[in-house]
Amino acid sequence: MVRSTLENRVSKGRAERSRQGRAVFYSLPAAGAGTSVEAPDPALSDPAVSTESQVTG
């Protein structure tokens, strides 16, 4: 569920995805990158939620 939520945010431009080897990292886009100002997304700021997903395959 966490990964699908983060991927949804990436598709809407509210998060960025980067890959390092097999790990996938999600982060907030840089300020002023053409995104509108919104309230912070709890799924991206909750410290209990891991923002790293391992790609299987």
PDB file of N, CA and C in Angstrom:
ATOM      1  N   MET A   1       0.811  -1.181   0.000  1.00  0.00           N
ATOM      2  CA  MET A   1       0.000   0.000   0.000  1.00  0.00           C
ATOM      3  C   MET A   1       0.867   1.262   0.000  1.00  0.00           C
ATOM      4  N   VAL A   2       1.939   1.265   0.735  1.00  0.00           N
ATOM      5  CA  VAL A   2       2.803   2.442   0.790  1.00  0.00           C
ATOM      6  C   VAL A   2       3.401   2.726  -0.579  1.00  0.00           C
ATOM      7  N   ARG A   3       3.895   1.687  -1.243  1.00  0.00           N
ATOM      8  CA  ARG A   3       4.525   1.911  -2.546  1.00  0.00           C
ATOM      9  C   ARG A   3       3.524   2.430  -3.566  1.00  0.00           C
ATOM     10  N   SER A   4       2.310   1.884  -3.577  1.00  0.00           N
ATOM     11  CA  SER A   4       1.324   2.356  -4.547  1.00  0.00           C
ATOM     12  C   SER A   4       0.941   3.811  -4.267  1.00  0.00           C
ATOM     13  N   THR A   5       0.864   4.192  -3.005  1.00  0.00           N
ATOM     14  CA  THR A   5       0.572   5.583  -2.655  1.00  0.00           C
ATOM     15  C   THR A   5       1.695   6.494  -3.134  1.00  0.00           C
ATOM     16  N   LEU A   6       2.939   6.087  -2.915  1.00  0.00           N
ATOM     17  CA  LEU A   6       4.068   6.902  -3.357  1.00  0.00           C
ATOM     18  C   LEU A   6       4.126   6.989  -4.877  1.00  0.00           C
ATOM     19  N   GLU A   7       3.859   5.887  -5.566  1.00  0.00           N
ATOM     20  CA  GLU A   7       3.859   5.911  -7.033  1.00  0.00           C
ATOM     21  C   GLU A   7       2.755   6.830  -7.552  1.00  0.00           C
ATOM     22  N   ASN A   8       1.623   6.860  -6.858  1.00  0.00           N
ATOM     23  CA  ASN A   8       0.541   7.766  -7.231  1.00  0.00           C
ATOM     24  C   ASN A   8       1.005   9.209  -7.101  1.00  0.00           C
ATOM     25  N   ARG A   9       1.718   9.532  -6.030  1.00  0.00           N
ATOM     26  CA  ARG A   9       2.244  10.883  -5.833  1.00  0.00           C
ATOM     27  C   ARG A   9       3.244  11.241  -6.929  1.00  0.00           C
ATOM     28  N   VAL A  10       4.073  10.293  -7.334  1.00  0.00           N
ATOM     29  CA  VAL A  10       5.042  10.536  -8.415  1.00  0.00           C
ATOM     30  C   VAL A  10       4.295  10.863  -9.709  1.00  0.00           C
ATOM     31  N   SER A  11       3.242  10.098 -10.011  1.00  0.00           N
ATOM     32  CA  SER A  11       2.503  10.333 -11.256  1.00  0.00           C
ATOM     33  C   SER A  11       1.813  11.695 -11.265  1.00  0.00           C
ATOM     34  N   LYS A  12       1.471  12.212 -10.084  1.00  0.00           N
ATOM     35  CA  LYS A  12       0.833  13.522  -9.993  1.00  0.00           C
ATOM     36  C   LYS A  12       1.846  14.649  -9.827  1.00  0.00           C
ATOM     37  N   GLY A  13       3.128  14.321  -9.783  1.00  0.00           N
ATOM     38  CA  GLY A  13       4.163  15.341  -9.664  1.00  0.00           C
ATOM     39  C   GLY A  13       4.374  15.845  -8.251  1.00  0.00           C
ATOM     40  N   ARG A  14       3.822  15.150  -7.252  1.00  0.00           N
ATOM     41  CA  ARG A  14       3.964  15.591  -5.865  1.00  0.00           C
ATOM     42  C   ARG A  14       5.102  14.883  -5.142  1.00  0.00           C
ATOM     43  N   ALA A  15       5.811  14.000  -5.840  1.00  0.00           N
ATOM     44  CA  ALA A  15       6.979  13.314  -5.276  1.00  0.00           C
ATOM     45  C   ALA A  15       7.900  12.955  -6.434  1.00  0.00           C
ATOM     46  N   GLU A  16       9.154  12.697  -6.101  1.00  0.00           N
ATOM     47  CA  GLU A  16      10.134  12.285  -7.111  1.00  0.00           C
ATOM     48  C   GLU A  16      10.689  10.918  -6.733  1.00  0.00           C
ATOM     49  N   ARG A  17      11.008  10.131  -7.739  1.00  0.00           N
ATOM     50  CA  ARG A  17      11.552   8.795  -7.541  1.00  0.00           C
ATOM     51  C   ARG A  17      12.983   8.770  -8.049  1.00  0.00           C
ATOM     52  N   SER A  18      13.864   8.136  -7.292  1.00  0.00           N
ATOM     53  CA  SER A  18      15.231   7.927  -7.766  1.00  0.00           C
ATOM     54  C   SER A  18      15.623   6.498  -7.442  1.00  0.00           C
ATOM     55  N   ARG A  19      16.478   5.941  -8.264  1.00  0.00           N
ATOM     56  CA  ARG A  19      16.918   4.560  -8.064  1.00  0.00           C
ATOM     57  C   ARG A  19      18.421   4.537  -7.860  1.00  0.00           C
ATOM     58  N   GLN A  20      18.830   3.706  -6.910  1.00  0.00           N
ATOM     59  CA  GLN A  20      20.243   3.476  -6.665  1.00  0.00           C
ATOM     60  C   GLN A  20      20.414   1.975  -6.546  1.00  0.00           C
ATOM     61  N   GLY A  21      20.892   1.368  -7.616  1.00  0.00           N
ATOM     62  CA  GLY A  21      20.978  -0.092  -7.636  1.00  0.00           C
ATOM     63  C   GLY A  21      19.580  -0.671  -7.643  1.00  0.00           C
ATOM     64  N   ARG A  22      19.298  -1.553  -6.690  1.00  0.00           N
ATOM     65  CA  ARG A  22      17.967  -2.156  -6.602  1.00  0.00           C
ATOM     66  C   ARG A  22      17.023  -1.374  -5.705  1.00  0.00           C
ATOM     67  N   ALA A  23      17.525  -0.376  -4.990  1.00  0.00           N
ATOM     68  CA  ALA A  23      16.701   0.407  -4.072  1.00  0.00           C
ATOM     69  C   ALA A  23      16.009   1.545  -4.821  1.00  0.00           C
ATOM     70  N   VAL A  24      14.802   1.862  -4.406  1.00  0.00           N
ATOM     71  CA  VAL A  24      14.036   2.973  -4.956  1.00  0.00           C
ATOM     72  C   VAL A  24      13.763   3.940  -3.818  1.00  0.00           C
ATOM     73  N   PHE A  25      14.092   5.225  -4.026  1.00  0.00           N
ATOM     74  CA  PHE A  25      13.903   6.244  -3.003  1.00  0.00           C
ATOM     75  C   PHE A  25      12.888   7.269  -3.490  1.00  0.00           C
ATOM     76  N   TYR A  26      12.053   7.756  -2.588  1.00  0.00           N
ATOM     77  CA  TYR A  26      11.056   8.767  -2.907  1.00  0.00           C
ATOM     78  C   TYR A  26      11.361  10.003  -2.090  1.00  0.00           C
ATOM     79  N   SER A  27      11.197  11.181  -2.719  1.00  0.00           N
ATOM     80  CA  SER A  27      11.431  12.436  -2.020  1.00  0.00           C
ATOM     81  C   SER A  27      10.466  13.487  -2.544  1.00  0.00           C
ATOM     82  N   LEU A  28      10.373  14.580  -1.809  1.00  0.00           N
ATOM     83  CA  LEU A  28       9.549  15.699  -2.256  1.00  0.00           C
ATOM     84  C   LEU A  28      10.277  16.415  -3.382  1.00  0.00           C
ATOM     85  N   PRO A  29       9.544  16.957  -4.355  1.00  0.00           N
ATOM     86  CA  PRO A  29      10.206  17.696  -5.438  1.00  0.00           C
ATOM     87  C   PRO A  29      10.844  18.970  -4.906  1.00  0.00           C
ATOM     88  N   ALA A  30      11.829  19.463  -5.638  1.00  0.00           N
ATOM     89  CA  ALA A  30      12.513  20.699  -5.252  1.00  0.00           C
ATOM     90  C   ALA A  30      11.523  21.856  -5.257  1.00  0.00           C
ATOM     91  N   ALA A  31      11.693  22.786  -4.347  1.00  0.00           N
ATOM     92  CA  ALA A  31      10.810  23.949  -4.276  1.00  0.00           C
ATOM     93  C   ALA A  31      10.929  24.755  -5.565  1.00  0.00           C
ATOM     94  N   GLY A  32       9.796  25.225  -6.060  1.00  0.00           N
ATOM     95  CA  GLY A  32       9.800  26.032  -7.268  1.00  0.00           C
ATOM     96  C   GLY A  32       9.926  25.215  -8.543  1.00  0.00           C
ATOM     97  N   ALA A  33       9.641  23.929  -8.462  1.00  0.00           N
ATOM     98  CA  ALA A  33       9.750  23.067  -9.638  1.00  0.00           C
ATOM     99  C   ALA A  33       8.447  23.017 -10.419  1.00  0.00           C
ATOM    100  N   GLY A  34       7.621  24.064 -10.278  1.00  0.00           N
ATOM    101  CA  GLY A  34       6.375  24.127 -11.031  1.00  0.00           C
ATOM    102  C   GLY A  34       5.228  23.418 -10.349  1.00  0.00           C
ATOM    103  N   THR A  35       5.384  23.056  -9.099  1.00  0.00           N
ATOM    104  CA  THR A  35       4.303  22.406  -8.381  1.00  0.00           C
ATOM    105  C   THR A  35       3.528  23.447  -7.594  1.00  0.00           C
ATOM    106  N   SER A  36       2.262  23.203  -7.394  1.00  0.00           N
ATOM    107  CA  SER A  36       1.455  24.133  -6.620  1.00  0.00           C
ATOM    108  C   SER A  36       1.719  23.931  -5.130  1.00  0.00           C
ATOM    109  N   VAL A  37       1.434  24.958  -4.370  1.00  0.00           N
ATOM    110  CA  VAL A  37       1.650  24.886  -2.928  1.00  0.00           C
ATOM    111  C   VAL A  37       0.458  24.165  -2.307  1.00  0.00           C
ATOM    112  N   GLU A  38       0.732  23.100  -1.576  1.00  0.00           N
ATOM    113  CA  GLU A  38      -0.302  22.326  -0.912  1.00  0.00           C
ATOM    114  C   GLU A  38       0.144  22.015   0.502  1.00  0.00           C
ATOM    115  N   ALA A  39      -0.781  21.497   1.274  1.00  0.00           N
ATOM    116  CA  ALA A  39      -0.428  21.024   2.607  1.00  0.00           C
ATOM    117  C   ALA A  39       0.493  19.819   2.447  1.00  0.00           C
ATOM    118  N   PRO A  40       1.425  19.625   3.366  1.00  0.00           N
ATOM    119  CA  PRO A  40       2.331  18.474   3.270  1.00  0.00           C
ATOM    120  C   PRO A  40       1.560  17.167   3.228  1.00  0.00           C
ATOM    121  N   ASP A  41       2.045  16.241   2.464  1.00  0.00           N
ATOM    122  CA  ASP A  41       1.416  14.932   2.317  1.00  0.00           C
ATOM    123  C   ASP A  41       1.865  14.036   3.467  1.00  0.00           C
ATOM    124  N   PRO A  42       0.956  13.588   4.328  1.00  0.00           N
ATOM    125  CA  PRO A  42       1.348  12.761   5.470  1.00  0.00           C
ATOM    126  C   PRO A  42       2.045  11.470   5.064  1.00  0.00           C
ATOM    127  N   ALA A  43       1.718  10.930   3.911  1.00  0.00           N
ATOM    128  CA  ALA A  43       2.354   9.682   3.480  1.00  0.00           C
ATOM    129  C   ALA A  43       3.837   9.873   3.217  1.00  0.00           C
ATOM    130  N   LEU A  44       4.242  11.109   2.895  1.00  0.00           N
ATOM    131  CA  LEU A  44       5.648  11.362   2.617  1.00  0.00           C
ATOM    132  C   LEU A  44       6.408  11.877   3.832  1.00  0.00           C
ATOM    133  N   SER A  45       5.696  12.350   4.856  1.00  0.00           N
ATOM    134  CA  SER A  45       6.381  12.938   5.995  1.00  0.00           C
ATOM    135  C   SER A  45       6.285  12.097   7.266  1.00  0.00           C
ATOM    136  N   ASP A  46       5.551  10.999   7.242  1.00  0.00           N
ATOM    137  CA  ASP A  46       5.398  10.157   8.426  1.00  0.00           C
ATOM    138  C   ASP A  46       6.681   9.377   8.674  1.00  0.00           C
ATOM    139  N   PRO A  47       7.365   9.621   9.797  1.00  0.00           N
ATOM    140  CA  PRO A  47       8.635   8.925  10.042  1.00  0.00           C
ATOM    141  C   PRO A  47       8.464   7.421  10.216  1.00  0.00           C
ATOM    142  N   ALA A  48       7.251   6.959  10.502  1.00  0.00           N
ATOM    143  CA  ALA A  48       7.029   5.530  10.674  1.00  0.00           C
ATOM    144  C   ALA A  48       6.893   4.816   9.335  1.00  0.00           C
ATOM    145  N   VAL A  49       6.758   5.574   8.245  1.00  0.00           N
ATOM    146  CA  VAL A  49       6.579   4.991   6.913  1.00  0.00           C
ATOM    147  C   VAL A  49       7.929   4.927   6.233  1.00  0.00           C
ATOM    148  N   SER A  50       8.326   3.755   5.801  1.00  0.00           N
ATOM    149  CA  SER A  50       9.578   3.594   5.096  1.00  0.00           C
ATOM    150  C   SER A  50       9.447   4.152   3.689  1.00  0.00           C
ATOM    151  N   THR A  51      10.426   4.914   3.237  1.00  0.00           N
ATOM    152  CA  THR A  51      10.377   5.470   1.885  1.00  0.00           C
ATOM    153  C   THR A  51      11.293   4.712   0.947  1.00  0.00           C
ATOM    154  N   GLU A  52      11.708   3.545   1.349  1.00  0.00           N
ATOM    155  CA  GLU A  52      12.559   2.734   0.493  1.00  0.00           C
ATOM    156  C   GLU A  52      11.827   1.439   0.166  1.00  0.00           C
ATOM    157  N   SER A  53      11.780   1.114  -1.105  1.00  0.00           N
ATOM    158  CA  SER A  53      11.184  -0.135  -1.553  1.00  0.00           C
ATOM    159  C   SER A  53      12.224  -0.919  -2.317  1.00  0.00           C
ATOM    160  N   GLN A  54      12.241  -2.187  -2.117  1.00  0.00           N
ATOM    161  CA  GLN A  54      13.165  -3.043  -2.850  1.00  0.00           C
ATOM    162  C   GLN A  54      12.452  -3.559  -4.097  1.00  0.00           C
ATOM    163  N   VAL A  55      13.097  -3.414  -5.233  1.00  0.00           N
ATOM    164  CA  VAL A  55      12.557  -3.905  -6.489  1.00  0.00           C
ATOM    165  C   VAL A  55      12.870  -5.387  -6.560  1.00  0.00           C
ATOM    166  N   THR A  56      11.860  -6.196  -6.793  1.00  0.00           N
ATOM    167  CA  THR A  56      12.081  -7.640  -6.900  1.00  0.00           C
ATOM    168  C   THR A  56      12.100  -8.026  -8.349  1.00  0.00           C
ATOM    169  N   GLY A  57      12.796  -9.077  -8.635  1.00  0.00           N
ATOM    170  CA  GLY A  57      12.754  -9.493 -10.029  1.00  0.00           C
ATOM    171  C   GLY A  57      13.929 -10.227 -10.464  1.00  0.00           C
TER     172      GLY A  57
END
